[in-house]
């Protein structure tokens, strides 16, 4: 492999091919699933996609792998997972897509767990997905949350300050108490810009609250409206830009 001006970090090459976000590509590299010229790649390594032979999970990439950028907004129902393949779950968000989009190599730019609902971005644009998911870009996500009992408002500063749960510091950026009525609990609006795995559920559980319902309603300035549950919409460039305002 030559160190030329056209050399690019391998995770970016993979993301540009629409195979995964840069973060996922880095995981594949760490797991030894990426090779350059027959040798296992390393994090930070660069390659020239025009000259070097790059393989991911045993499949060679080529210059023809570049795809038209596609970004969808999906209204995810409960019971579906945000994964391209999972042998333990039969229903994925990709099963909800119309046949035209199922043929595309899309992935989730930020996941929701199986029991959560609402706005999910599906794309083959690795750079755009990186901007949504990486904490350094501080893209705020808004969630409508229902907990099983009324919230002690004195806990709100503590939820914003956060605490360590299972070795991770979890915290909310904003907690808004909704006036909407819930049978026995309370409806809240939660804002976060990072989104560690099941962060909202885990932090509430650590304070003694169970989340009965969790729905993502907004990313950046992009609000999910007018999309029936289980259906998707192709985003225009202006709508994609609103993710980062």
Protein backbone atom coordinates (compact mmCIF):
# COMPACT_ATOMS: atom_id res chain seq x y z
CA UNK A 1 0.00 0.00 0.00
CA UNK A 2 1.39 3.36 -1.02
CA UNK A 3 1.09 6.45 1.15
CA UNK A 4 -0.23 8.85 -1.50
CA UNK A 5 -2.35 11.95 -1.40
CA UNK A 6 -5.33 9.79 -2.46
CA UNK A 7 -5.03 7.54 0.60
CA UNK A 8 -8.12 7.68 2.82
CA UNK A 9 -8.86 6.20 6.22
CA UNK A 10 -10.37 2.76 5.73
CA UNK A 11 -13.45 3.44 7.85
CA UNK A 12 -14.29 6.40 5.59
CA UNK A 13 -13.91 4.27 2.47
CA UNK A 14 -16.35 1.74 3.90
CA UNK A 15 -18.79 4.47 4.94
CA UNK A 16 -18.61 6.10 1.49
CA UNK A 17 -19.62 2.76 -0.03
CA UNK A 18 -22.80 2.85 2.03
CA UNK A 19 -21.91 -0.31 3.92
CA UNK A 20 -22.03 1.17 7.43
CA UNK A 21 -21.40 4.25 9.51
CA UNK A 22 -17.79 5.08 10.32
CA UNK A 23 -18.37 3.86 13.88
CA UNK A 24 -19.61 0.47 12.67
CA UNK A 25 -16.73 0.29 10.19
CA UNK A 26 -14.28 0.87 13.04
CA UNK A 27 -15.88 -2.02 14.94
CA UNK A 28 -15.44 -4.27 11.91
CA UNK A 29 -11.78 -3.24 11.67
CA UNK A 30 -11.23 -3.93 15.38
CA UNK A 31 -12.88 -7.34 14.96
CA UNK A 32 -10.50 -8.24 12.13
CA UNK A 33 -13.23 -8.30 9.47
CA UNK A 34 -11.49 -5.83 7.14
CA UNK A 35 -8.42 -6.61 5.04
CA UNK A 36 -6.22 -4.45 2.82
CA UNK A 37 -4.18 -6.28 0.21
CA UNK A 38 -4.78 -9.54 2.07
CA UNK A 39 -3.64 -8.25 5.48
CA UNK A 40 -5.90 -7.51 8.46
CA UNK A 41 -6.50 -3.77 8.66
CA UNK A 42 -5.85 -1.61 11.71
CA UNK A 43 -7.67 1.39 13.14
CA UNK A 44 -6.26 4.59 11.63
CA UNK A 45 -4.84 2.83 8.60
CA UNK A 46 -5.24 4.49 5.22
CA UNK A 47 -5.67 3.00 1.76
CA UNK A 48 -6.09 4.12 -1.83
CA UNK A 49 -9.45 2.73 -3.03
CA UNK A 50 -8.22 2.99 -6.66
CA UNK A 51 -5.14 0.84 -6.09
CA UNK A 52 -5.52 -1.23 -2.93
CA UNK A 53 -7.61 -4.37 -2.60
CA UNK A 54 -10.01 -3.86 0.30
CA UNK A 55 -12.35 -6.56 1.58
CA UNK A 56 -15.07 -6.41 4.22
CA UNK A 57 -16.30 -9.67 5.71
CA UNK A 58 -14.64 -11.50 2.85
CA UNK A 59 -16.22 -9.42 0.07
CA UNK A 60 -14.03 -7.25 -2.11
CA UNK A 61 -14.89 -3.59 -2.61
CA UNK A 62 -14.59 -1.99 -6.00
CA UNK A 63 -14.83 1.49 -7.45
CA UNK A 64 -18.28 0.51 -8.70
CA UNK A 65 -19.55 0.08 -5.13
CA UNK A 66 -20.34 3.78 -4.79
CA UNK A 67 -24.10 4.23 -4.46
CA UNK A 68 -26.53 7.10 -4.83
CA UNK A 69 -27.04 8.61 -1.38
CA UNK A 70 -30.43 7.69 0.09
CA UNK A 71 -31.82 8.82 3.46
CA UNK A 72 -35.19 7.70 4.80
CA UNK A 73 -37.23 8.69 7.83
CA UNK A 74 -39.08 5.70 9.29
CA UNK A 75 -41.82 5.62 11.94
CA UNK A 76 -40.69 2.50 13.79
CA UNK A 77 -43.31 0.42 15.63
CA UNK A 78 -42.61 -1.67 18.72
CA UNK A 79 -41.33 -5.19 18.17
CA UNK A 80 -38.84 -4.40 15.40
CA UNK A 81 -35.08 -4.17 15.88
CA UNK A 82 -32.69 -1.69 14.25
CA UNK A 83 -30.31 -4.22 12.75
CA UNK A 84 -29.55 -5.54 9.28
CA UNK A 85 -29.21 -9.08 10.54
CA UNK A 86 -29.84 -10.68 13.90
CA UNK A 87 -30.35 -14.47 14.12
CA UNK A 88 -32.31 -14.06 17.37
CA UNK A 89 -34.90 -11.63 15.96
CA UNK A 90 -37.05 -12.23 12.91
CA UNK A 91 -38.41 -8.69 12.53
CA UNK A 92 -36.11 -5.81 11.60
CA UNK A 93 -36.93 -2.26 10.51
CA UNK A 94 -35.69 -3.18 7.04
CA UNK A 95 -38.60 -5.61 6.68
CA UNK A 96 -40.91 -2.57 6.79
CA UNK A 97 -39.39 -0.91 3.73
CA UNK A 98 -40.99 -0.95 0.27
CA UNK A 99 -39.29 -3.38 -2.15
CA UNK A 100 -37.42 -0.55 -3.90
CA UNK A 101 -35.56 0.41 -0.74
CA UNK A 102 -35.00 -3.15 0.49
CA UNK A 103 -32.59 -3.60 -2.41
CA UNK A 104 -30.43 -0.71 -1.14
CA UNK A 105 -27.63 -1.23 1.36
CA UNK A 106 -29.04 0.91 4.15
CA UNK A 107 -28.24 1.01 7.86
CA UNK A 108 -29.58 2.82 10.91
CA UNK A 109 -28.08 6.18 11.83
CA UNK A 110 -28.82 5.80 15.53
CA UNK A 111 -30.89 2.96 16.87
CA UNK A 112 -34.01 2.47 18.95
CA UNK A 113 -34.39 -0.67 21.05
CA UNK A 114 -36.99 -3.31 20.23
CA UNK A 115 -39.59 -1.92 22.64
CA UNK A 116 -39.21 1.72 21.55
CA UNK A 117 -41.01 3.57 18.77
CA UNK A 118 -40.73 6.54 16.52
CA UNK A 119 -38.23 8.33 14.33
CA UNK A 120 -35.38 6.27 12.87
CA UNK A 121 -33.06 7.46 10.10
CA UNK A 122 -32.03 4.84 7.53
CA UNK A 123 -29.29 5.77 5.10
CA UNK A 124 -26.31 4.65 3.05
CA UNK A 125 -24.48 7.93 3.70
CA UNK A 126 -21.80 7.02 6.24
CA UNK A 127 -20.55 10.56 6.78
CA UNK A 128 -24.04 11.88 7.45
CA UNK A 129 -24.74 9.01 9.85
CA UNK A 130 -21.52 9.81 11.72
CA UNK A 131 -22.68 13.39 12.23
CA UNK A 132 -25.99 12.20 13.69
CA UNK A 133 -24.52 9.62 16.05
CA UNK A 134 -21.22 11.01 17.28
CA UNK A 135 -21.53 13.05 20.52
CA UNK A 136 -19.10 15.71 19.25
CA UNK A 137 -21.74 16.96 16.78
CA UNK A 138 -24.30 17.44 19.61
CA UNK A 139 -27.36 16.62 17.53
CA UNK A 140 -30.25 16.77 20.00
CA UNK A 141 -32.82 13.97 19.98
CA UNK A 142 -36.24 14.49 21.59
CA UNK A 143 -38.25 11.65 23.11
CA UNK A 144 -41.78 11.35 24.46
CA UNK A 145 -41.58 9.12 27.50
CA UNK A 146 -44.22 7.62 29.79
CA UNK A 147 -43.12 6.36 33.21
CA UNK A 148 -45.10 4.12 35.55
CA UNK A 149 -45.59 6.66 38.36
CA UNK A 150 -45.47 10.45 38.81
CA UNK A 151 -41.96 11.90 38.73
CA UNK A 152 -40.59 13.57 41.83
CA UNK A 153 -39.68 16.95 40.32
CA UNK A 154 -36.82 17.32 42.81
CA UNK A 155 -35.09 14.56 40.84
CA UNK A 156 -34.96 16.57 37.61
CA UNK A 157 -31.61 18.29 38.40
CA UNK A 158 -30.17 14.89 39.31
CA UNK A 159 -31.36 13.37 36.04
CA UNK A 160 -29.69 16.24 34.17
CA UNK A 161 -26.51 15.94 36.20
CA UNK A 162 -26.61 12.19 35.62
CA UNK A 163 -24.86 9.32 37.34
CA UNK A 164 -22.77 6.25 36.56
CA UNK A 165 -24.80 3.18 35.69
CA UNK A 166 -23.03 -0.06 34.84
CA UNK A 167 -19.77 1.81 34.29
CA UNK A 168 -21.23 4.52 32.02
CA UNK A 169 -22.18 8.09 32.85
CA UNK A 170 -25.81 8.54 31.81
CA UNK A 171 -27.61 11.89 31.80
CA UNK A 172 -30.41 13.88 30.20
CA UNK A 173 -29.96 17.39 28.81
CA UNK A 174 -33.53 18.48 29.43
CA UNK A 175 -36.57 17.05 31.23
CA UNK A 176 -39.97 18.60 30.50
CA UNK A 177 -43.03 17.48 32.45
CA UNK A 178 -45.99 17.18 30.11
CA UNK A 179 -49.51 18.28 31.00
CA UNK A 180 -50.92 15.26 29.20
CA UNK A 181 -52.58 12.70 31.43
CA UNK A 182 -51.46 9.10 31.75
CA UNK A 183 -53.51 6.51 33.63
CA UNK A 184 -51.22 6.01 36.63
CA UNK A 185 -47.86 7.47 35.66
CA UNK A 186 -46.57 10.56 33.91
CA UNK A 187 -45.63 11.74 30.43
CA UNK A 188 -42.33 13.56 29.95
CA UNK A 189 -40.22 14.96 27.15
CA UNK A 190 -36.53 14.03 27.33
CA UNK A 191 -33.71 15.64 25.32
CA UNK A 192 -30.32 13.96 24.81
CA UNK A 193 -27.54 14.45 22.24
CA UNK A 194 -25.47 11.32 22.83
CA UNK A 195 -27.66 8.25 23.15
CA UNK A 196 -25.85 5.39 24.79
CA UNK A 197 -27.53 2.01 24.61
CA UNK A 198 -30.98 2.11 26.27
CA UNK A 199 -29.83 5.25 28.10
CA UNK A 200 -33.26 6.63 28.96
CA UNK A 201 -34.58 3.34 30.27
CA UNK A 202 -31.43 2.58 32.26
CA UNK A 203 -31.18 5.98 33.94
CA UNK A 204 -34.85 6.06 34.93
CA UNK A 205 -34.55 2.50 36.27
CA UNK A 206 -31.62 3.56 38.44
CA UNK A 207 -33.86 6.21 40.01
CA UNK A 208 -36.67 3.70 40.57
CA UNK A 209 -38.87 4.41 37.53
CA UNK A 210 -40.01 2.03 34.82
CA UNK A 211 -40.46 3.35 31.28
CA UNK A 212 -43.82 2.15 29.94
CA UNK A 213 -43.48 3.83 26.56
CA UNK A 214 -40.65 5.53 24.70
CA UNK A 215 -41.06 7.32 21.38
CA UNK A 216 -38.47 9.40 19.52
CA UNK A 217 -40.22 12.37 17.97
CA UNK A 218 -37.44 14.63 16.69
CA UNK A 219 -33.76 14.68 15.63
CA UNK A 220 -32.24 18.13 15.28
CA UNK A 221 -35.02 20.20 13.73
CA UNK A 222 -36.49 17.24 11.84
CA UNK A 223 -39.85 16.36 13.41
CA UNK A 224 -41.64 13.12 12.69
CA UNK A 225 -45.12 14.03 11.53
CA UNK A 226 -47.55 12.70 8.95
CA UNK A 227 -45.88 9.30 8.65
CA UNK A 228 -48.08 6.32 9.64
CA UNK A 229 -46.56 3.73 11.98
CA UNK A 230 -44.43 1.27 10.02
CA UNK A 231 -44.04 3.52 6.98
CA UNK A 232 -41.16 5.67 5.70
CA UNK A 233 -40.43 8.78 3.69
CA UNK A 234 -37.51 9.67 1.42
CA UNK A 235 -35.90 12.84 2.78
CA UNK A 236 -35.05 15.78 0.56
CA UNK A 237 -31.76 17.63 0.97
CA UNK A 238 -33.43 20.45 2.91
CA UNK A 239 -34.90 17.95 5.38
CA UNK A 240 -31.53 16.25 5.79
CA UNK A 241 -29.94 19.63 6.50
CA UNK A 242 -32.53 20.23 9.23
CA UNK A 243 -31.04 17.31 11.19
CA UNK A 244 -28.03 19.49 11.96
CA UNK A 245 -29.57 22.90 12.64
